[in-house]
């Protein structure tokens, strides 16, 4: 393992912190497929992320998508359902069949 003098080590740590901060603030693109897993998103980010995904999926011609929110306590499922009910692009939504996630995922039918 390489050893650095104390002042150089502090500089390296400062640079690493700056890189982490820049990466955290940088937007990133999520691939738009017929399935969207929300596990890696924070609750505060859910509304814009889900709205953006649905908008892009619809623009790409998807008429049915599956949103994976997990089973857990049901809080994220409830939040997703509330957001879907408010979204004008959504025609209908319901629990996924057991082989596609059951109550841990919601199937969303998008308006043409």
C-alpha atoms as a PDB file:
ATOM      1  CA  UNK A   1       0.000   0.000   0.000  1.00  0.00           C
ATOM      2  CA  UNK A   2       1.334   3.396  -0.976  1.00  0.00           C
ATOM      3  CA  UNK A   3       1.905   5.888   1.845  1.00  0.00           C
ATOM      4  CA  UNK A   4       1.329   9.613   1.417  1.00  0.00           C
ATOM      5  CA  UNK A   5       2.576  12.448   3.623  1.00  0.00           C
ATOM      6  CA  UNK A   6      -0.229  13.838   5.851  1.00  0.00           C
ATOM      7  CA  UNK A   7      -0.759  16.994   3.765  1.00  0.00           C
ATOM      8  CA  UNK A   8      -0.865  15.019   0.504  1.00  0.00           C
ATOM      9  CA  UNK A   9      -3.324  12.543   2.025  1.00  0.00           C
ATOM     10  CA  UNK A  10      -5.627  15.423   3.022  1.00  0.00           C
ATOM     11  CA  UNK A  11      -5.451  16.753  -0.545  1.00  0.00           C
ATOM     12  CA  UNK A  12      -6.334  13.320  -1.970  1.00  0.00           C
ATOM     13  CA  UNK A  13      -9.279  12.994   0.410  1.00  0.00           C
ATOM     14  CA  UNK A  14     -10.470  16.483  -0.513  1.00  0.00           C
ATOM     15  CA  UNK A  15     -10.326  15.622  -4.232  1.00  0.00           C
ATOM     16  CA  UNK A  16     -12.240  12.383  -3.647  1.00  0.00           C
ATOM     17  CA  UNK A  17     -14.938  14.281  -1.750  1.00  0.00           C
ATOM     18  CA  UNK A  18     -15.229  16.775  -4.618  1.00  0.00           C
ATOM     19  CA  UNK A  19     -15.597  13.962  -7.164  1.00  0.00           C
ATOM     20  CA  UNK A  20     -18.283  12.253  -5.036  1.00  0.00           C
ATOM     21  CA  UNK A  21     -20.184  15.522  -4.684  1.00  0.00           C
ATOM     22  CA  UNK A  22     -20.026  16.203  -8.430  1.00  0.00           C
ATOM     23  CA  UNK A  23     -21.207  12.680  -9.245  1.00  0.00           C
ATOM     24  CA  UNK A  24     -24.071  12.898  -6.747  1.00  0.00           C
ATOM     25  CA  UNK A  25     -25.326  16.106  -8.352  1.00  0.00           C
ATOM     26  CA  UNK A  26     -24.932  14.889 -11.939  1.00  0.00           C
ATOM     27  CA  UNK A  27     -28.103  13.603 -13.597  1.00  0.00           C
ATOM     28  CA  UNK A  28     -28.026  10.171 -15.158  1.00  0.00           C
ATOM     29  CA  UNK A  29     -30.180   8.445 -17.753  1.00  0.00           C
ATOM     30  CA  UNK A  30     -32.194   5.373 -16.909  1.00  0.00           C
ATOM     31  CA  UNK A  31     -32.794   2.914 -19.765  1.00  0.00           C
ATOM     32  CA  UNK A  32     -36.462   2.944 -20.764  1.00  0.00           C
ATOM     33  CA  UNK A  33     -37.768  -0.604 -20.979  1.00  0.00           C
ATOM     34  CA  UNK A  34     -41.158  -2.134 -20.190  1.00  0.00           C
ATOM     35  CA  UNK A  35     -40.097  -2.634 -16.569  1.00  0.00           C
ATOM     36  CA  UNK A  36     -38.863  -0.042 -14.054  1.00  0.00           C
ATOM     37  CA  UNK A  37     -37.380  -0.973 -10.657  1.00  0.00           C
ATOM     38  CA  UNK A  38     -37.745   1.766  -8.039  1.00  0.00           C
ATOM     39  CA  UNK A  39     -35.637   0.102  -5.319  1.00  0.00           C
ATOM     40  CA  UNK A  40     -32.604   2.321  -5.892  1.00  0.00           C
ATOM     41  CA  UNK A  41     -34.521   5.614  -5.660  1.00  0.00           C
ATOM     42  CA  UNK A  42     -35.147   7.641  -2.520  1.00  0.00           C
ATOM     43  CA  UNK A  43     -38.773   8.392  -1.609  1.00  0.00           C
ATOM     44  CA  UNK A  44     -38.215  12.127  -2.190  1.00  0.00           C
ATOM     45  CA  UNK A  45     -37.115  11.410  -5.786  1.00  0.00           C
ATOM     46  CA  UNK A  46     -39.962   9.069  -6.633  1.00  0.00           C
ATOM     47  CA  UNK A  47     -42.477  11.567  -8.077  1.00  0.00           C
ATOM     48  CA  UNK A  48     -40.218  13.148 -10.729  1.00  0.00           C
ATOM     49  CA  UNK A  49     -38.483   9.857 -11.552  1.00  0.00           C
ATOM     50  CA  UNK A  50     -41.741   7.959 -12.064  1.00  0.00           C
ATOM     51  CA  UNK A  51     -43.331  10.798 -14.056  1.00  0.00           C
ATOM     52  CA  UNK A  52     -40.259  11.035 -16.288  1.00  0.00           C
ATOM     53  CA  UNK A  53     -40.164   7.283 -16.824  1.00  0.00           C
ATOM     54  CA  UNK A  54     -43.863   7.120 -17.761  1.00  0.00           C
ATOM     55  CA  UNK A  55     -43.499  10.063 -20.143  1.00  0.00           C
ATOM     56  CA  UNK A  56     -40.496   8.499 -21.891  1.00  0.00           C
ATOM     57  CA  UNK A  57     -42.053   5.022 -22.011  1.00  0.00           C
ATOM     58  CA  UNK A  58     -45.191   6.461 -23.588  1.00  0.00           C
ATOM     59  CA  UNK A  59     -43.140   8.479 -26.111  1.00  0.00           C
ATOM     60  CA  UNK A  60     -41.303   5.273 -27.086  1.00  0.00           C
ATOM     61  CA  UNK A  61     -44.620   3.561 -27.783  1.00  0.00           C
ATOM     62  CA  UNK A  62     -44.982   1.410 -24.673  1.00  0.00           C
ATOM     63  CA  UNK A  63     -48.637   0.869 -23.811  1.00  0.00           C
ATOM     64  CA  UNK A  64     -47.999  -1.368 -20.803  1.00  0.00           C
ATOM     65  CA  UNK A  65     -45.180  -1.122 -18.283  1.00  0.00           C
ATOM     66  CA  UNK A  66     -44.419  -2.749 -14.951  1.00  0.00           C
ATOM     67  CA  UNK A  67     -43.295  -0.633 -12.015  1.00  0.00           C
ATOM     68  CA  UNK A  68     -41.443  -2.654  -9.364  1.00  0.00           C
ATOM     69  CA  UNK A  69     -41.813  -1.109  -5.912  1.00  0.00           C
ATOM     70  CA  UNK A  70     -41.375  -4.152  -3.667  1.00  0.00           C
ATOM     71  CA  UNK A  71     -43.647  -5.609  -1.007  1.00  0.00           C
ATOM     72  CA  UNK A  72     -42.121  -4.298   2.230  1.00  0.00           C
ATOM     73  CA  UNK A  73     -44.489  -2.331   4.440  1.00  0.00           C
ATOM     74  CA  UNK A  74     -46.599  -1.149   1.508  1.00  0.00           C
ATOM     75  CA  UNK A  75     -45.611   2.520   1.887  1.00  0.00           C
ATOM     76  CA  UNK A  76     -43.826   2.727  -1.478  1.00  0.00           C
ATOM     77  CA  UNK A  77     -46.649   0.827  -3.193  1.00  0.00           C
ATOM     78  CA  UNK A  78     -49.139   3.350  -1.788  1.00  0.00           C
ATOM     79  CA  UNK A  79     -46.967   6.262  -2.914  1.00  0.00           C
ATOM     80  CA  UNK A  80     -46.660   4.786  -6.427  1.00  0.00           C
ATOM     81  CA  UNK A  81     -50.414   4.184  -6.625  1.00  0.00           C
ATOM     82  CA  UNK A  82     -51.134   7.767  -5.562  1.00  0.00           C
ATOM     83  CA  UNK A  83     -48.752   9.131  -8.192  1.00  0.00           C
ATOM     84  CA  UNK A  84     -50.235   6.892 -10.891  1.00  0.00           C
ATOM     85  CA  UNK A  85     -53.772   8.013 -10.031  1.00  0.00           C
ATOM     86  CA  UNK A  86     -52.678  11.652 -10.510  1.00  0.00           C
ATOM     87  CA  UNK A  87     -50.843  11.071 -13.801  1.00  0.00           C
ATOM     88  CA  UNK A  88     -52.861  12.027 -16.909  1.00  0.00           C
ATOM     89  CA  UNK A  89     -50.911   9.537 -19.091  1.00  0.00           C
ATOM     90  CA  UNK A  90     -52.127   6.547 -17.045  1.00  0.00           C
ATOM     91  CA  UNK A  91     -55.272   4.780 -18.250  1.00  0.00           C
ATOM     92  CA  UNK A  92     -55.317   2.040 -15.612  1.00  0.00           C
ATOM     93  CA  UNK A  93     -53.088   0.227 -13.108  1.00  0.00           C
ATOM     94  CA  UNK A  94     -53.315  -2.981 -11.078  1.00  0.00           C
ATOM     95  CA  UNK A  95     -51.229  -5.564  -9.201  1.00  0.00           C
ATOM     96  CA  UNK A  96     -48.928  -7.597 -11.381  1.00  0.00           C
ATOM     97  CA  UNK A  97     -49.742 -11.297 -11.695  1.00  0.00           C
ATOM     98  CA  UNK A  98     -47.764 -13.535  -9.304  1.00  0.00           C
ATOM     99  CA  UNK A  99     -45.228 -14.545 -11.969  1.00  0.00           C
ATOM    100  CA  UNK A 100     -44.452 -10.853 -12.636  1.00  0.00           C
ATOM    101  CA  UNK A 101     -44.099  -9.706  -9.026  1.00  0.00           C
ATOM    102  CA  UNK A 102     -47.601  -9.873  -7.521  1.00  0.00           C
ATOM    103  CA  UNK A 103     -48.197  -7.108  -4.984  1.00  0.00           C
ATOM    104  CA  UNK A 104     -44.531  -6.103  -5.257  1.00  0.00           C
ATOM    105  CA  UNK A 105     -45.129  -4.654  -8.720  1.00  0.00           C
ATOM    106  CA  UNK A 106     -47.820  -2.646 -10.454  1.00  0.00           C
ATOM    107  CA  UNK A 107     -48.803  -3.032 -14.094  1.00  0.00           C
ATOM    108  CA  UNK A 108     -49.557   0.322 -15.693  1.00  0.00           C
ATOM    109  CA  UNK A 109     -51.581   0.761 -18.876  1.00  0.00           C
ATOM    110  CA  UNK A 110     -50.686   3.994 -20.625  1.00  0.00           C
ATOM    111  CA  UNK A 111     -53.015   6.080 -22.768  1.00  0.00           C
ATOM    112  CA  UNK A 112     -52.182   6.185 -26.481  1.00  0.00           C
END
